[in-house]
Protein backbone atom coordinates (compact mmCIF):
# COMPACT_ATOMS: atom_id res chain seq x y z
CA MET A 1 17.09 21.38 1.10
CA PHE A 2 13.53 20.57 2.16
CA LEU A 3 13.10 17.88 -0.53
CA LEU A 4 15.80 15.79 1.15
CA SER A 5 13.78 15.89 4.36
CA VAL A 6 10.63 14.88 2.49
CA ALA A 7 12.51 12.02 0.81
CA ALA A 8 14.03 10.79 4.08
CA ILE A 9 10.77 10.82 6.05
CA TRP A 10 8.77 9.26 3.23
CA ALA A 11 11.42 6.59 2.64
CA VAL A 12 11.04 5.44 6.25
CA ALA A 13 7.25 5.38 5.84
CA ALA A 14 7.46 3.45 2.55
CA ILE A 15 9.94 0.88 3.82
CA THR A 16 8.00 0.21 7.03
CA PRO A 17 5.86 -2.90 6.35
CA GLY A 18 2.17 -2.11 6.03
CA PRO A 19 -0.82 -3.01 3.82
CA ASN A 20 0.82 -1.50 0.72
CA PHE A 21 3.98 -3.55 1.20
CA PHE A 22 2.13 -6.79 1.77
CA ILE A 23 -0.19 -6.39 -1.25
CA VAL A 24 2.88 -5.78 -3.42
CA VAL A 25 4.73 -8.77 -1.95
CA ARG A 26 1.80 -11.11 -2.39
CA THR A 27 1.11 -10.04 -5.99
CA ALA A 28 4.79 -10.15 -6.96
CA LEU A 29 5.07 -13.71 -5.67
CA GLU A 30 1.65 -14.95 -6.69
CA GLY A 31 0.95 -13.22 -9.99
CA SER A 32 2.64 -12.53 -13.29
CA ARG A 33 5.21 -9.78 -13.82
CA SER A 34 2.56 -7.58 -15.46
CA ALA A 35 0.27 -8.04 -12.44
CA ALA A 36 3.15 -7.15 -10.11
CA VAL A 37 3.88 -3.99 -12.08
CA ALA A 38 0.17 -3.13 -12.11
CA VAL A 39 -0.21 -3.44 -8.35
CA ILE A 40 2.83 -1.19 -7.85
CA VAL A 41 1.34 1.39 -10.24
CA GLY A 42 -1.88 1.26 -8.21
CA VAL A 43 -0.03 1.76 -4.92
CA ILE A 44 2.00 4.63 -6.37
CA LEU A 45 -1.14 6.29 -7.75
CA GLY A 46 -2.60 6.05 -4.26
CA THR A 47 0.57 7.68 -2.90
CA PHE A 48 0.15 10.50 -5.42
CA CYS A 49 -3.49 10.97 -4.34
CA TRP A 50 -2.60 11.11 -0.65
CA GLY A 51 0.34 13.40 -1.37
CA LEU A 52 -1.88 15.76 -3.32
CA ALA A 53 -4.59 15.56 -0.67
CA GLY A 54 -2.11 16.22 2.13
CA TRP A 55 -0.65 19.17 0.27
CA LEU A 56 -4.08 20.65 -0.42
CA GLY A 57 -5.11 20.22 3.21
CA ILE A 58 -7.62 17.37 3.23
CA SER A 59 -6.86 16.96 6.95
CA ALA A 60 -8.59 20.32 7.42
CA LEU A 61 -11.60 18.93 5.57
CA PHE A 62 -11.65 15.89 7.85
CA ALA A 63 -11.53 18.21 10.86
CA ALA A 64 -14.42 20.26 9.49
CA ALA A 65 -16.44 17.20 8.45
CA PRO A 66 -15.63 14.36 10.91
CA PHE A 67 -18.24 12.10 9.33
CA ALA A 68 -16.14 11.94 6.13
CA TYR A 69 -13.12 10.72 8.07
CA LEU A 70 -15.29 8.30 10.05
CA PHE A 71 -16.76 6.88 6.85
CA LEU A 72 -13.33 6.39 5.29
CA LYS A 73 -11.99 4.68 8.41
CA ILE A 74 -14.92 2.25 8.55
CA ALA A 75 -14.82 1.55 4.81
CA GLY A 76 -11.05 1.14 4.85
CA GLY A 77 -11.10 -1.13 7.88
CA LEU A 78 -13.81 -3.35 6.41
CA TYR A 79 -11.95 -3.60 3.10
CA LEU A 80 -8.70 -4.66 4.76
CA CYS A 81 -10.54 -7.22 6.90
CA TYR A 82 -12.27 -8.57 3.79
CA LEU A 83 -8.94 -8.83 2.00
CA GLY A 84 -7.44 -10.66 4.98
CA VAL A 85 -10.32 -13.11 5.33
CA ARG A 86 -10.16 -13.88 1.61
CA LEU A 87 -6.42 -14.54 1.81
CA VAL A 88 -6.76 -16.88 4.79
CA ARG A 89 -9.68 -18.71 3.21
CA ASN A 90 -7.98 -19.08 -0.16
CA ALA A 91 -4.69 -20.16 1.42
CA TRP A 92 -6.19 -23.52 2.29
CA ARG A 93 -7.78 -23.99 -1.12
CA LYS A 94 -4.51 -23.76 -3.03
CA THR A 95 -2.74 -26.71 -4.52
CA GLY A 96 0.09 -28.31 -2.64
CA ALA A 97 3.70 -27.18 -2.98
CA GLY A 98 4.49 -30.05 -5.32
CA GLU A 99 1.71 -29.23 -7.78
CA PRO A 100 1.88 -26.69 -10.60
CA HIS A 101 1.89 -23.04 -9.58
CA ALA A 102 -1.54 -22.09 -10.90
CA GLY A 103 -1.49 -18.67 -9.26
CA ARG A 104 0.91 -17.14 -11.83
CA ALA A 105 -1.93 -16.44 -14.22
CA GLY A 106 -4.60 -16.07 -11.56
CA ILE A 107 -4.24 -12.32 -10.90
CA ALA A 108 -5.19 -10.09 -13.81
CA PRO A 109 -3.20 -6.84 -14.14
CA LYS A 110 -6.40 -4.77 -13.94
CA GLN A 111 -7.43 -6.54 -10.74
CA ALA A 112 -3.93 -6.08 -9.33
CA PHE A 113 -3.96 -2.37 -10.16
CA TYR A 114 -7.23 -1.76 -8.34
CA SER A 115 -6.08 -3.88 -5.38
CA GLY A 116 -2.98 -1.73 -5.01
CA LEU A 117 -4.90 1.53 -5.38
CA VAL A 118 -7.75 0.64 -3.02
CA THR A 119 -5.40 -0.85 -0.42
CA ASN A 120 -3.43 2.40 -0.36
CA LEU A 121 -6.51 4.61 -0.23
CA ALA A 122 -8.13 2.43 2.46
CA ASN A 123 -6.19 4.15 5.23
CA PRO A 124 -7.33 7.77 5.70
CA LYS A 125 -4.64 8.26 8.35
CA SER A 126 -2.27 8.67 5.42
CA ALA A 127 -3.75 12.12 4.81
CA PHE A 128 -2.82 13.24 8.32
CA PHE A 129 0.65 11.74 8.03
CA VAL A 130 1.31 13.50 4.73
CA ALA A 131 -0.11 16.75 6.05
CA SER A 132 2.21 16.47 9.07
CA LEU A 133 5.14 15.65 6.78
CA PHE A 134 4.51 18.76 4.70
CA ALA A 135 3.96 20.92 7.78
CA ALA A 136 7.32 19.79 9.13
CA THR A 137 9.31 20.14 5.90
CA LEU A 138 7.75 22.69 3.55
CA PRO A 139 8.68 26.36 4.04
CA SER A 140 5.80 28.39 5.46
CA ASP A 141 5.82 30.57 2.35
CA HIS A 142 6.26 27.70 -0.10
CA SER A 143 5.18 28.06 -3.71
CA TRP A 144 2.99 25.65 -5.63
CA VAL A 145 6.13 24.47 -7.44
CA GLN A 146 7.69 23.44 -4.12
CA GLY A 147 4.49 21.67 -3.08
CA ALA A 148 4.30 19.80 -6.38
CA ALA A 149 7.99 18.90 -6.06
CA ALA A 150 7.33 17.43 -2.60
CA VAL A 151 4.51 15.25 -3.98
CA ALA A 152 6.74 14.20 -6.88
CA THR A 153 9.48 13.28 -4.39
CA MET A 154 7.06 11.01 -2.51
CA VAL A 155 6.08 9.30 -5.78
CA LEU A 156 9.73 8.88 -6.79
CA VAL A 157 10.73 7.37 -3.44
CA SER A 158 7.81 4.92 -3.53
CA SER A 159 8.60 3.99 -7.15
CA LEU A 160 12.24 3.26 -6.36
CA TRP A 161 11.40 1.24 -3.25
CA TYR A 162 8.72 -0.95 -4.83
CA SER A 163 10.80 -1.45 -7.98
CA PHE A 164 13.56 -2.80 -5.73
CA VAL A 165 11.05 -5.04 -3.92
CA LEU A 166 9.79 -6.34 -7.27
CA ILE A 167 13.31 -7.16 -8.50
CA VAL A 168 14.08 -9.07 -5.30
CA LEU A 169 10.80 -10.98 -5.19
CA ARG A 170 10.93 -12.00 -8.85
CA ASN A 171 14.22 -13.78 -8.18
CA PRO A 172 13.68 -17.51 -8.94
CA ALA A 173 15.11 -18.55 -5.57
CA VAL A 174 12.71 -16.29 -3.68
CA ALA A 175 9.77 -17.40 -5.83
CA GLY A 176 10.71 -21.04 -5.25
CA ALA A 177 10.83 -20.54 -1.49
CA TYR A 178 7.39 -18.94 -1.62
CA ALA A 179 5.99 -21.79 -3.71
CA ARG A 180 7.10 -24.24 -1.01
CA GLY A 181 5.51 -22.31 1.85
CA ARG A 182 2.77 -20.39 0.06
CA LYS A 183 -0.09 -21.58 2.29
CA THR A 184 1.65 -20.38 5.41
CA VAL A 185 2.77 -17.10 3.82
CA ASP A 186 -0.68 -16.31 2.42
CA ALA A 187 -2.38 -17.17 5.70
CA LEU A 188 0.08 -14.97 7.60
CA ALA A 189 -0.46 -12.12 5.14
CA GLY A 190 -4.22 -12.52 5.61
CA VAL A 191 -3.90 -12.29 9.38
CA ILE A 192 -1.76 -9.16 9.00
CA PHE A 193 -4.35 -7.53 6.74
CA MET A 194 -7.10 -8.35 9.23
CA GLY A 195 -4.95 -6.84 11.97
CA PHE A 196 -4.59 -3.58 10.05
CA GLY A 197 -8.31 -3.54 9.33
CA LEU A 198 -9.30 -4.19 12.94
CA LYS A 199 -6.88 -1.51 14.10
CA LEU A 200 -8.67 0.99 11.88
CA LEU A 201 -12.12 -0.14 13.00
CA THR A 202 -11.28 -0.10 16.71
CA SER A 203 -9.85 3.41 16.41
CA VAL A 204 -13.24 4.76 15.29
CA ARG A 205 -14.47 7.40 17.69
């Protein structure tokens, strides 16, 4: 069944660490439970948008209007670099490991939601990946029901994966380990975000 192929390919993509994974990890460890849920909802909404766009053929639009793809790559790259710089800068402004964990209430759910959504939508290459996924798995004569089911499968896989990540990261032992090394972890996450952003910017043609 083609949905199993969609689920398998998307599961690999979801599990592979990238900007979405790191924004979820950071929020789950740094913010409240409601903020962590909100960032996951934002990421999953972004997945739905890219799934819908890939199904409807936005890659064809990018091919017909290269400036749109170029704009999204530049905007996405700059956003990820900004996010990375902010993380690195803020990492050294945080309180020490022995002081109260002030970050728990520092990320509002609304802010977390938009961070998850924008981080996901910041990479226009997702449209090409999803379009390729559908081209490889959907029957050539597929119906709109099958296309919608494929998008729903992507959303379900992402929901299950990030729910699992949230459960693991909200474990007190994991949270305690993060509290002890939060400066290093946040700085590393910031560098990773900048790396993703620079990769997008340097791939501009």
